[in-house]
Amino acid sequence: MITSPIIRKIFLLAIAQFGTSMAHFYFNAPFSLYPLIETADVIRLISPFLVLFAFYNVLHLSQVRPATHALRWFIFLAILYATAHGIHLASNSIGHLLDDFRATDIYTLTYFYDEQLSHVMWATSFAGLSILPAYLESESTRVNKIDLIWKCVAIILFGFMYFCNLVESQTAFICVPFAALFVIWASFRVGSRWHEYHVTTFFLLSYSLSLLLTLVWFLIWRGLPEFSQVGFIS
């Protein structure tokens, strides 16, 4: 049982991100009520609600006195994130029906929205949503060992899923520099007071894990191929 409110919100953020992202990889069967879309599309339809709600709760609890400008930035980033998600969901579903039209302009345009524009918007907004609560975090109290274990689980889930997303979305050119810069900045900010900045250390260790996994993946394949390109997923 998680007793610390901030650790609980961090864990829920990790679960929301992990659960909705995994749907993209493993629930690709046609949706029984409307076979033109996949079951994953239905799950991903609620993804922005869960992820953004979780980010907002972390932001809210990370501050002693919530700042007005923080809410403004969150709204902007949330709109960017939701827009990216909507563009990707629609264009990806349509793209599945265009395999026989790869030489056409409609396929090229759909590919641009699906694999390029929406991915860049997602990576940028996700970076901002991570920076905001960490930058505005106020010092908090120590938590017990059980809560720290749950925090470690959240770090593993979030870091692993961030690695999976940057590889499959081919946004390493944004995600890797961001994660590296965040780790450097957060390390200086936290210093030796790791027990006082739960949100910042959560993102710090999550992004450190994602960088490590990305490095291992790069060394194995001599590049960063998508999981689908090497047969890990269909």
Foldseek 3Di string as FASTA:
>chain_A
DADDQLLVLLLQLLCLLLVLLVLVFPFAQADPVGRLGTPSLVSLVCSLVSNLVSLVSNLVVQAPDDDPVLVVLSVVLSVLQVVLSVQQSVLVSVLVVCPVPCVDPVNVVSCCSHQPPSLVSNLVSVLSSLCSSQVRGDWDAADDPVSVVSLVVSLVSLLVSLLLSCLQSVVCVRLVVSLVVLLVVLCVVCPPVCRGRSSSVSSNSSSVSSNVVQVVCCVVVVHRHHCVVVPNGD
